[in-house]
């Protein structure tokens, strides 16, 4: 099976990266994180994403969509993860074609996940699932406001939602790795870049290995669409994102623990996403049953 990206897929990936670099660069990210009133969903950017086909990527052309597949959606969400793009991206993407305005970005859709968490409830126009009685809770991620709905019987999570979340985790892991390597080249101690020290080399190498392993699993699951493979890819992506951000923080040293460094934003988002999916134990049981 060939997992090499086609020219069209590379163009799509680059196009999404350029769009986000132009509309949601580091300055915009920090403005949102540092805002005194908390994060506010950028409706204009949401509509631009809709116009670019982000939410309608998998919608058939006959229904006004782009007509692409799950592998292309994974590439787009990977770029969103790199940029730490906020908002209920997965829920709105899944609602395209089912909820009016979701495909074009005119309608923001959120969903109650299996744990009862509801991201961006106040900013959403449509909520999928029962959010009656939801109350605001403190979020680990300053860019993702959360509500929690009262406990209900857990619902099976859409495998596509799991995979697209894994793609976001993959993008965040890759960005953390790149950030750590860049800092290790620029920061000097004892007259040489810290990247020359063996301990730092090992951290960066481990980050890269975890990221590439997760990438292979996520891309493969996008091709096969096998639910068990998707769950496993989600676990690997969670590990790559969480441990990658923690290792990046270690490479930064004391600077990494400050609010001004972006490392903590990737770590907190990775923590949050890892809680939205199925637990590691549940995935292991699923794999055991499949075997």
C-alpha atoms as a PDB file:
ATOM      1  CA  UNK A   1       0.000   0.000   0.000  1.00  0.00           C
ATOM      2  CA  UNK A   2       1.461   3.362  -1.052  1.00  0.00           C
ATOM      3  CA  UNK A   3       1.041   6.151   1.487  1.00  0.00           C
ATOM      4  CA  UNK A   4       2.945   8.764  -0.520  1.00  0.00           C
ATOM      5  CA  UNK A   5       0.903  11.921  -1.015  1.00  0.00           C
ATOM      6  CA  UNK A   6      -0.226  12.750  -4.526  1.00  0.00           C
ATOM      7  CA  UNK A   7       0.534  16.128  -6.053  1.00  0.00           C
ATOM      8  CA  UNK A   8      -3.073  17.220  -5.497  1.00  0.00           C
ATOM      9  CA  UNK A   9      -2.894  16.176  -1.838  1.00  0.00           C
ATOM     10  CA  UNK A  10       0.341  18.094  -1.330  1.00  0.00           C
ATOM     11  CA  UNK A  11      -1.242  21.149  -2.968  1.00  0.00           C
ATOM     12  CA  UNK A  12      -4.252  20.844  -0.642  1.00  0.00           C
ATOM     13  CA  UNK A  13      -2.010  20.566   2.403  1.00  0.00           C
ATOM     14  CA  UNK A  14       0.049  23.563   1.333  1.00  0.00           C
ATOM     15  CA  UNK A  15      -3.055  25.590   0.528  1.00  0.00           C
ATOM     16  CA  UNK A  16      -4.542  25.055   3.992  1.00  0.00           C
ATOM     17  CA  UNK A  17      -1.189  25.881   5.605  1.00  0.00           C
ATOM     18  CA  UNK A  18      -0.908  29.130   3.659  1.00  0.00           C
ATOM     19  CA  UNK A  19      -4.509  30.094   4.432  1.00  0.00           C
ATOM     20  CA  UNK A  20      -3.969  29.610   8.147  1.00  0.00           C
ATOM     21  CA  UNK A  21      -0.566  31.318   8.087  1.00  0.00           C
ATOM     22  CA  UNK A  22      -2.213  34.369   6.544  1.00  0.00           C
ATOM     23  CA  UNK A  23      -5.302  34.436   8.762  1.00  0.00           C
ATOM     24  CA  UNK A  24      -4.248  32.778  12.011  1.00  0.00           C
ATOM     25  CA  UNK A  25      -0.548  33.351  12.528  1.00  0.00           C
ATOM     26  CA  UNK A  26       1.274  33.411  15.845  1.00  0.00           C
ATOM     27  CA  UNK A  27       0.241  37.005  16.521  1.00  0.00           C
ATOM     28  CA  UNK A  28      -3.437  36.105  16.116  1.00  0.00           C
ATOM     29  CA  UNK A  29      -2.945  33.034  18.300  1.00  0.00           C
ATOM     30  CA  UNK A  30      -1.358  35.072  21.084  1.00  0.00           C
ATOM     31  CA  UNK A  31      -3.991  37.815  20.831  1.00  0.00           C
ATOM     32  CA  UNK A  32      -6.665  35.192  21.343  1.00  0.00           C
ATOM     33  CA  UNK A  33      -4.841  33.475  24.216  1.00  0.00           C
ATOM     34  CA  UNK A  34      -3.999  36.757  25.946  1.00  0.00           C
ATOM     35  CA  UNK A  35      -7.414  38.382  25.494  1.00  0.00           C
ATOM     36  CA  UNK A  36      -8.858  39.649  28.794  1.00  0.00           C
ATOM     37  CA  UNK A  37     -12.354  38.386  27.966  1.00  0.00           C
ATOM     38  CA  UNK A  38     -11.289  34.898  26.969  1.00  0.00           C
ATOM     39  CA  UNK A  39     -11.348  33.248  23.531  1.00  0.00           C
ATOM     40  CA  UNK A  40     -13.819  34.535  20.964  1.00  0.00           C
ATOM     41  CA  UNK A  41     -14.636  32.524  17.847  1.00  0.00           C
ATOM     42  CA  UNK A  42     -13.625  34.387  14.675  1.00  0.00           C
ATOM     43  CA  UNK A  43     -16.747  34.108  12.520  1.00  0.00           C
ATOM     44  CA  UNK A  44     -15.080  35.752   9.547  1.00  0.00           C
ATOM     45  CA  UNK A  45     -12.285  33.171   9.583  1.00  0.00           C
ATOM     46  CA  UNK A  46     -14.893  30.419   9.979  1.00  0.00           C
ATOM     47  CA  UNK A  47     -16.617  31.611   6.798  1.00  0.00           C
ATOM     48  CA  UNK A  48     -13.278  31.811   4.988  1.00  0.00           C
ATOM     49  CA  UNK A  49     -12.642  28.199   5.926  1.00  0.00           C
ATOM     50  CA  UNK A  50     -16.071  27.359   4.569  1.00  0.00           C
ATOM     51  CA  UNK A  51     -15.387  29.221   1.317  1.00  0.00           C
ATOM     52  CA  UNK A  52     -12.114  27.315   0.960  1.00  0.00           C
ATOM     53  CA  UNK A  53     -13.998  24.022   1.271  1.00  0.00           C
ATOM     54  CA  UNK A  54     -12.581  23.023   4.656  1.00  0.00           C
ATOM     55  CA  UNK A  55     -15.903  21.861   6.064  1.00  0.00           C
ATOM     56  CA  UNK A  56     -17.271  20.490   2.774  1.00  0.00           C
ATOM     57  CA  UNK A  57     -14.191  18.506   1.741  1.00  0.00           C
ATOM     58  CA  UNK A  58     -15.977  15.148   1.924  1.00  0.00           C
ATOM     59  CA  UNK A  59     -19.368  16.398   0.768  1.00  0.00           C
ATOM     60  CA  UNK A  60     -20.217  15.208  -2.783  1.00  0.00           C
ATOM     61  CA  UNK A  61     -19.923  17.783  -5.531  1.00  0.00           C
ATOM     62  CA  UNK A  62     -23.583  17.180  -6.365  1.00  0.00           C
ATOM     63  CA  UNK A  63     -24.404  18.577  -2.921  1.00  0.00           C
ATOM     64  CA  UNK A  64     -22.120  21.591  -3.249  1.00  0.00           C
ATOM     65  CA  UNK A  65     -19.078  19.995  -1.659  1.00  0.00           C
ATOM     66  CA  UNK A  66     -15.512  19.381  -2.802  1.00  0.00           C
ATOM     67  CA  UNK A  67     -16.003  15.643  -3.312  1.00  0.00           C
ATOM     68  CA  UNK A  68     -12.739  14.479  -1.745  1.00  0.00           C
ATOM     69  CA  UNK A  69     -12.186  11.673   0.753  1.00  0.00           C
ATOM     70  CA  UNK A  70     -11.119  10.973   4.291  1.00  0.00           C
ATOM     71  CA  UNK A  71      -7.357  11.087   3.512  1.00  0.00           C
ATOM     72  CA  UNK A  72      -7.701  14.659   2.240  1.00  0.00           C
ATOM     73  CA  UNK A  73      -9.729  15.676   5.293  1.00  0.00           C
ATOM     74  CA  UNK A  74      -6.973  14.259   7.504  1.00  0.00           C
ATOM     75  CA  UNK A  75      -4.385  16.436   5.749  1.00  0.00           C
ATOM     76  CA  UNK A  76      -6.506  19.556   6.254  1.00  0.00           C
ATOM     77  CA  UNK A  77      -7.089  18.820   9.941  1.00  0.00           C
ATOM     78  CA  UNK A  78      -3.410  18.094  10.444  1.00  0.00           C
ATOM     79  CA  UNK A  79      -2.687  21.653   9.328  1.00  0.00           C
ATOM     80  CA  UNK A  80      -5.373  22.993  11.666  1.00  0.00           C
ATOM     81  CA  UNK A  81      -3.653  21.152  14.504  1.00  0.00           C
ATOM     82  CA  UNK A  82      -0.290  22.663  13.605  1.00  0.00           C
ATOM     83  CA  UNK A  83      -1.777  26.154  13.842  1.00  0.00           C
ATOM     84  CA  UNK A  84      -3.761  25.404  17.035  1.00  0.00           C
ATOM     85  CA  UNK A  85      -6.830  26.670  15.202  1.00  0.00           C
ATOM     86  CA  UNK A  86      -9.600  26.977  17.811  1.00  0.00           C
ATOM     87  CA  UNK A  87     -13.255  26.100  17.504  1.00  0.00           C
ATOM     88  CA  UNK A  88     -15.446  22.999  17.042  1.00  0.00           C
ATOM     89  CA  UNK A  89     -13.856  22.115  13.706  1.00  0.00           C
ATOM     90  CA  UNK A  90     -14.593  18.390  13.773  1.00  0.00           C
ATOM     91  CA  UNK A  91     -18.260  18.769  14.739  1.00  0.00           C
ATOM     92  CA  UNK A  92     -18.879  21.399  12.053  1.00  0.00           C
ATOM     93  CA  UNK A  93     -17.103  19.302   9.420  1.00  0.00           C
ATOM     94  CA  UNK A  94     -19.199  16.250  10.314  1.00  0.00           C
ATOM     95  CA  UNK A  95     -22.369  18.352  10.140  1.00  0.00           C
ATOM     96  CA  UNK A  96     -21.716  19.527   6.564  1.00  0.00           C
ATOM     97  CA  UNK A  97     -24.631  18.427   4.427  1.00  0.00           C
ATOM     98  CA  UNK A  98     -26.787  17.635   7.457  1.00  0.00           C
ATOM     99  CA  UNK A  99     -26.981  21.076   9.087  1.00  0.00           C
ATOM    100  CA  UNK A 100     -27.750  24.072   6.917  1.00  0.00           C
ATOM    101  CA  UNK A 101     -24.823  26.483   6.694  1.00  0.00           C
ATOM    102  CA  UNK A 102     -22.257  24.133   8.224  1.00  0.00           C
ATOM    103  CA  UNK A 103     -20.540  23.410   4.902  1.00  0.00           C
ATOM    104  CA  UNK A 104     -20.094  27.106   4.133  1.00  0.00           C
ATOM    105  CA  UNK A 105     -18.987  28.105   7.625  1.00  0.00           C
ATOM    106  CA  UNK A 106     -22.094  30.226   8.195  1.00  0.00           C
ATOM    107  CA  UNK A 107     -23.252  27.887  10.956  1.00  0.00           C
ATOM    108  CA  UNK A 108     -20.995  26.813  13.816  1.00  0.00           C
ATOM    109  CA  UNK A 109     -21.818  23.346  15.104  1.00  0.00           C
ATOM    110  CA  UNK A 110     -20.625  21.731  18.306  1.00  0.00           C
ATOM    111  CA  UNK A 111     -21.381  18.315  19.770  1.00  0.00           C
ATOM    112  CA  UNK A 112     -21.631  16.595  23.135  1.00  0.00           C
ATOM    113  CA  UNK A 113     -18.866  14.023  23.301  1.00  0.00           C
ATOM    114  CA  UNK A 114     -19.007  10.628  25.006  1.00  0.00           C
ATOM    115  CA  UNK A 115     -17.751  12.085  28.306  1.00  0.00           C
ATOM    116  CA  UNK A 116     -20.397  14.796  28.358  1.00  0.00           C
ATOM    117  CA  UNK A 117     -18.014  17.633  27.472  1.00  0.00           C
ATOM    118  CA  UNK A 118     -19.258  20.294  25.053  1.00  0.00           C
ATOM    119  CA  UNK A 119     -16.587  22.584  23.538  1.00  0.00           C
ATOM    120  CA  UNK A 120     -17.531  26.098  22.439  1.00  0.00           C
ATOM    121  CA  UNK A 121     -21.164  25.753  23.529  1.00  0.00           C
ATOM    122  CA  UNK A 122     -21.793  29.489  23.858  1.00  0.00           C
ATOM    123  CA  UNK A 123     -20.338  30.210  20.400  1.00  0.00           C
ATOM    124  CA  UNK A 124     -22.237  27.480  18.544  1.00  0.00           C
ATOM    125  CA  UNK A 125     -25.410  27.959  16.519  1.00  0.00           C
ATOM    126  CA  UNK A 126     -26.297  24.252  16.612  1.00  0.00           C
ATOM    127  CA  UNK A 127     -25.537  21.592  19.223  1.00  0.00           C
ATOM    128  CA  UNK A 128     -25.612  17.936  18.223  1.00  0.00           C
ATOM    129  CA  UNK A 129     -26.572  15.783  21.171  1.00  0.00           C
ATOM    130  CA  UNK A 130     -28.342  16.595  24.408  1.00  0.00           C
ATOM    131  CA  UNK A 131     -26.664  19.536  26.133  1.00  0.00           C
ATOM    132  CA  UNK A 132     -29.593  20.369  28.405  1.00  0.00           C
ATOM    133  CA  UNK A 133     -28.362  21.474  31.791  1.00  0.00           C
ATOM    134  CA  UNK A 134     -24.746  21.887  30.644  1.00  0.00           C
ATOM    135  CA  UNK A 135     -22.661  24.073  32.934  1.00  0.00           C
ATOM    136  CA  UNK A 136     -19.341  25.826  32.234  1.00  0.00           C
ATOM    137  CA  UNK A 137     -16.238  24.081  33.558  1.00  0.00           C
ATOM    138  CA  UNK A 138     -12.625  25.135  33.765  1.00  0.00           C
ATOM    139  CA  UNK A 139     -10.734  24.065  30.656  1.00  0.00           C
ATOM    140  CA  UNK A 140      -7.098  23.014  30.599  1.00  0.00           C
ATOM    141  CA  UNK A 141      -6.797  24.731  27.232  1.00  0.00           C
ATOM    142  CA  UNK A 142      -7.257  28.529  27.424  1.00  0.00           C
ATOM    143  CA  UNK A 143      -8.355  28.534  23.769  1.00  0.00           C
ATOM    144  CA  UNK A 144     -11.165  25.996  24.211  1.00  0.00           C
ATOM    145  CA  UNK A 145     -14.037  26.945  26.535  1.00  0.00           C
ATOM    146  CA  UNK A 146     -15.911  23.910  27.867  1.00  0.00           C
ATOM    147  CA  UNK A 147     -19.289  22.985  29.306  1.00  0.00           C
ATOM    148  CA  UNK A 148     -20.193  19.654  30.839  1.00  0.00           C
ATOM    149  CA  UNK A 149     -23.604  18.119  30.348  1.00  0.00           C
ATOM    150  CA  UNK A 150     -25.171  15.927  33.073  1.00  0.00           C
ATOM    151  CA  UNK A 151     -24.071  12.289  32.948  1.00  0.00           C
ATOM    152  CA  UNK A 152     -25.908  10.187  30.395  1.00  0.00           C
ATOM    153  CA  UNK A 153     -25.371   6.722  28.922  1.00  0.00           C
ATOM    154  CA  UNK A 154     -22.176   6.968  26.837  1.00  0.00           C
ATOM    155  CA  UNK A 155     -22.725   7.017  23.091  1.00  0.00           C
ATOM    156  CA  UNK A 156     -20.410   5.385  20.580  1.00  0.00           C
ATOM    157  CA  UNK A 157     -18.085   7.996  19.100  1.00  0.00           C
ATOM    158  CA  UNK A 158     -18.013   8.450  15.342  1.00  0.00           C
ATOM    159  CA  UNK A 159     -14.762   6.881  14.064  1.00  0.00           C
ATOM    160  CA  UNK A 160     -14.339   9.799  11.644  1.00  0.00           C
ATOM    161  CA  UNK A 161     -14.430  12.224  14.563  1.00  0.00           C
ATOM    162  CA  UNK A 162     -11.751  10.153  16.311  1.00  0.00           C
ATOM    163  CA  UNK A 163      -9.566  10.164  13.195  1.00  0.00           C
ATOM    164  CA  UNK A 164      -9.891  13.890  12.510  1.00  0.00           C
ATOM    165  CA  UNK A 165      -9.050  14.637  16.138  1.00  0.00           C
ATOM    166  CA  UNK A 166      -6.026  12.344  15.772  1.00  0.00           C
ATOM    167  CA  UNK A 167      -5.008  14.340  12.694  1.00  0.00           C
ATOM    168  CA  UNK A 168      -5.123  17.538  14.758  1.00  0.00           C
ATOM    169  CA  UNK A 169      -2.975  15.850  17.403  1.00  0.00           C
ATOM    170  CA  UNK A 170      -0.527  14.796  14.695  1.00  0.00           C
ATOM    171  CA  UNK A 171      -0.222  18.362  13.440  1.00  0.00           C
ATOM    172  CA  UNK A 172       0.401  19.632  16.957  1.00  0.00           C
ATOM    173  CA  UNK A 173       3.035  16.937  17.565  1.00  0.00           C
ATOM    174  CA  UNK A 174       4.849  17.854  14.362  1.00  0.00           C
ATOM    175  CA  UNK A 175       4.802  21.537  15.261  1.00  0.00           C
ATOM    176  CA  UNK A 176       6.156  20.837  18.761  1.00  0.00           C
ATOM    177  CA  UNK A 177       8.983  18.764  17.276  1.00  0.00           C
ATOM    178  CA  UNK A 178       9.896  21.467  14.765  1.00  0.00           C
ATOM    179  CA  UNK A 179       9.757  24.141  17.470  1.00  0.00           C
ATOM    180  CA  UNK A 180      12.058  22.144  19.745  1.00  0.00           C
ATOM    181  CA  UNK A 181      14.597  21.515  16.971  1.00  0.00           C
ATOM    182  CA  UNK A 182      14.626  25.180  15.957  1.00  0.00           C
ATOM    183  CA  UNK A 183      15.143  26.315  19.543  1.00  0.00           C
ATOM    184  CA  UNK A 184      17.885  23.721  20.093  1.00  0.00           C
ATOM    185  CA  UNK A 185      19.767  25.148  17.117  1.00  0.00           C
ATOM    186  CA  UNK A 186      19.394  28.767  18.202  1.00  0.00           C
ATOM    187  CA  UNK A 187      19.859  28.566  21.978  1.00  0.00           C
ATOM    188  CA  UNK A 188      23.484  28.384  23.115  1.00  0.00           C
ATOM    189  CA  UNK A 189      25.057  27.260  26.379  1.00  0.00           C
ATOM    190  CA  UNK A 190      28.760  26.921  27.179  1.00  0.00           C
ATOM    191  CA  UNK A 191      29.645  28.300  23.773  1.00  0.00           C
ATOM    192  CA  UNK A 192      27.650  25.889  21.617  1.00  0.00           C
ATOM    193  CA  UNK A 193      24.026  25.259  20.589  1.00  0.00           C
ATOM    194  CA  UNK A 194      22.142  23.151  23.126  1.00  0.00           C
ATOM    195  CA  UNK A 195      21.248  20.815  20.267  1.00  0.00           C
ATOM    196  CA  UNK A 196      24.828  19.541  20.430  1.00  0.00           C
ATOM    197  CA  UNK A 197      24.166  18.038  23.876  1.00  0.00           C
ATOM    198  CA  UNK A 198      23.291  14.352  23.856  1.00  0.00           C
ATOM    199  CA  UNK A 199      20.298  14.679  26.192  1.00  0.00           C
ATOM    200  CA  UNK A 200      18.690  17.287  23.930  1.00  0.00           C
ATOM    201  CA  UNK A 201      19.445  15.211  20.826  1.00  0.00           C
ATOM    202  CA  UNK A 202      17.684  12.239  22.402  1.00  0.00           C
ATOM    203  CA  UNK A 203      14.603  14.298  23.274  1.00  0.00           C
ATOM    204  CA  UNK A 204      14.302  15.638  19.723  1.00  0.00           C
ATOM    205  CA  UNK A 205      14.894  12.217  18.185  1.00  0.00           C
ATOM    206  CA  UNK A 206      12.216  10.630  20.355  1.00  0.00           C
ATOM    207  CA  UNK A 207       9.763  13.383  19.423  1.00  0.00           C
ATOM    208  CA  UNK A 208      10.403  12.758  15.737  1.00  0.00           C
ATOM    209  CA  UNK A 209       9.994   8.981  16.063  1.00  0.00           C
ATOM    210  CA  UNK A 210       6.675   9.304  17.894  1.00  0.00           C
ATOM    211  CA  UNK A 211       5.416  11.852  15.377  1.00  0.00           C
ATOM    212  CA  UNK A 212       6.316   9.784  12.324  1.00  0.00           C
ATOM    213  CA  UNK A 213       4.882   6.616  13.865  1.00  0.00           C
ATOM    214  CA  UNK A 214       1.632   8.463  14.538  1.00  0.00           C
ATOM    215  CA  UNK A 215       1.673   9.905  11.019  1.00  0.00           C
ATOM    216  CA  UNK A 216       1.949   6.443   9.460  1.00  0.00           C
ATOM    217  CA  UNK A 217      -0.902   5.153  11.614  1.00  0.00           C
ATOM    218  CA  UNK A 218      -3.185   8.146  10.973  1.00  0.00           C
ATOM    219  CA  UNK A 219      -2.585   8.154   7.225  1.00  0.00           C
ATOM    220  CA  UNK A 220      -3.103   4.376   7.021  1.00  0.00           C
ATOM    221  CA  UNK A 221      -6.334   4.565   9.012  1.00  0.00           C
ATOM    222  CA  UNK A 222      -7.565   7.303   6.677  1.00  0.00           C
ATOM    223  CA  UNK A 223      -7.096   4.912   3.750  1.00  0.00           C
ATOM    224  CA  UNK A 224      -8.581   1.794   5.349  1.00  0.00           C
ATOM    225  CA  UNK A 225     -11.242   3.587   7.465  1.00  0.00           C
ATOM    226  CA  UNK A 226     -11.139   0.568   9.770  1.00  0.00           C
ATOM    227  CA  UNK A 227     -12.606   1.541  13.172  1.00  0.00           C
ATOM    228  CA  UNK A 228     -10.046  -0.489  15.150  1.00  0.00           C
ATOM    229  CA  UNK A 229      -7.154   1.030  13.209  1.00  0.00           C
ATOM    230  CA  UNK A 230      -8.634   4.480  13.718  1.00  0.00           C
ATOM    231  CA  UNK A 231      -8.763   3.930  17.493  1.00  0.00           C
ATOM    232  CA  UNK A 232      -5.147   2.776  17.524  1.00  0.00           C
ATOM    233  CA  UNK A 233      -4.085   5.760  15.413  1.00  0.00           C
ATOM    234  CA  UNK A 234      -5.823   8.019  17.905  1.00  0.00           C
ATOM    235  CA  UNK A 235      -3.827   6.551  20.773  1.00  0.00           C
ATOM    236  CA  UNK A 236      -0.525   7.000  18.944  1.00  0.00           C
ATOM    237  CA  UNK A 237      -1.415  10.566  17.968  1.00  0.00           C
ATOM    238  CA  UNK A 238      -2.390  11.414  21.547  1.00  0.00           C
ATOM    239  CA  UNK A 239       0.924  10.083  22.811  1.00  0.00           C
ATOM    240  CA  UNK A 240       2.887  11.957  20.148  1.00  0.00           C
ATOM    241  CA  UNK A 241       1.106  15.245  20.897  1.00  0.00           C
ATOM    242  CA  UNK A 242       1.187  15.094  24.698  1.00  0.00           C
ATOM    243  CA  UNK A 243       4.688  13.679  25.124  1.00  0.00           C
ATOM    244  CA  UNK A 244       6.002  15.792  22.249  1.00  0.00           C
ATOM    245  CA  UNK A 245       4.808  19.021  23.851  1.00  0.00           C
ATOM    246  CA  UNK A 246       6.216  17.940  27.226  1.00  0.00           C
ATOM    247  CA  UNK A 247       9.584  17.141  25.654  1.00  0.00           C
ATOM    248  CA  UNK A 248       9.544  20.430  23.765  1.00  0.00           C
ATOM    249  CA  UNK A 249       9.018  22.176  27.092  1.00  0.00           C
ATOM    250  CA  UNK A 250      12.069  20.361  28.453  1.00  0.00           C
ATOM    251  CA  UNK A 251      14.178  21.499  25.496  1.00  0.00           C
ATOM    252  CA  UNK A 252      13.120  25.073  26.197  1.00  0.00           C
ATOM    253  CA  UNK A 253      14.115  24.716  29.838  1.00  0.00           C
ATOM    254  CA  UNK A 254      12.913  27.431  32.217  1.00  0.00           C
ATOM    255  CA  UNK A 255      11.681  29.547  29.297  1.00  0.00           C
ATOM    256  CA  UNK A 256       9.276  26.776  28.376  1.00  0.00           C
ATOM    257  CA  UNK A 257       7.359  27.215  31.636  1.00  0.00           C
ATOM    258  CA  UNK A 258       6.487  30.848  30.925  1.00  0.00           C
ATOM    259  CA  UNK A 259       3.195  32.092  29.507  1.00  0.00           C
ATOM    260  CA  UNK A 260       5.035  33.859  26.677  1.00  0.00           C
ATOM    261  CA  UNK A 261       6.267  30.585  25.158  1.00  0.00           C
ATOM    262  CA  UNK A 262       3.742  28.810  22.932  1.00  0.00           C
ATOM    263  CA  UNK A 263       4.749  25.372  24.199  1.00  0.00           C
ATOM    264  CA  UNK A 264       2.113  25.293  26.933  1.00  0.00           C
ATOM    265  CA  UNK A 265      -0.655  26.012  24.421  1.00  0.00           C
ATOM    266  CA  UNK A 266       0.221  22.861  22.461  1.00  0.00           C
ATOM    267  CA  UNK A 267       0.483  20.820  25.659  1.00  0.00           C
ATOM    268  CA  UNK A 268      -2.847  21.984  27.037  1.00  0.00           C
ATOM    269  CA  UNK A 269      -4.648  21.456  23.723  1.00  0.00           C
ATOM    270  CA  UNK A 270      -3.132  17.973  23.455  1.00  0.00           C
ATOM    271  CA  UNK A 271      -4.281  17.166  26.995  1.00  0.00           C
ATOM    272  CA  UNK A 272      -7.793  18.305  26.184  1.00  0.00           C
ATOM    273  CA  UNK A 273      -8.073  16.386  22.910  1.00  0.00           C
ATOM    274  CA  UNK A 274      -6.787  13.215  24.561  1.00  0.00           C
ATOM    275  CA  UNK A 275      -9.685  13.419  27.026  1.00  0.00           C
ATOM    276  CA  UNK A 276     -12.295  13.795  24.275  1.00  0.00           C
ATOM    277  CA  UNK A 277     -11.617  10.400  22.711  1.00  0.00           C
ATOM    278  CA  UNK A 278     -11.991   6.834  23.954  1.00  0.00           C
ATOM    279  CA  UNK A 279      -9.721   5.777  26.791  1.00  0.00           C
ATOM    280  CA  UNK A 280      -6.622   3.685  26.199  1.00  0.00           C
ATOM    281  CA  UNK A 281      -8.232   0.813  28.092  1.00  0.00           C
ATOM    282  CA  UNK A 282     -11.313   0.879  25.873  1.00  0.00           C
ATOM    283  CA  UNK A 283      -9.166   0.811  22.749  1.00  0.00           C
ATOM    284  CA  UNK A 284      -7.121  -2.098  24.077  1.00  0.00           C
ATOM    285  CA  UNK A 285     -10.309  -4.044  24.741  1.00  0.00           C
ATOM    286  CA  UNK A 286     -11.535  -3.295  21.239  1.00  0.00           C
ATOM    287  CA  UNK A 287      -8.283  -4.537  19.748  1.00  0.00           C
ATOM    288  CA  UNK A 288      -8.380  -7.671  21.904  1.00  0.00           C
ATOM    289  CA  UNK A 289     -11.891  -8.426  20.689  1.00  0.00           C
ATOM    290  CA  UNK A 290     -10.851  -7.870  17.070  1.00  0.00           C
ATOM    291  CA  UNK A 291      -7.917 -10.243  17.438  1.00  0.00           C
END
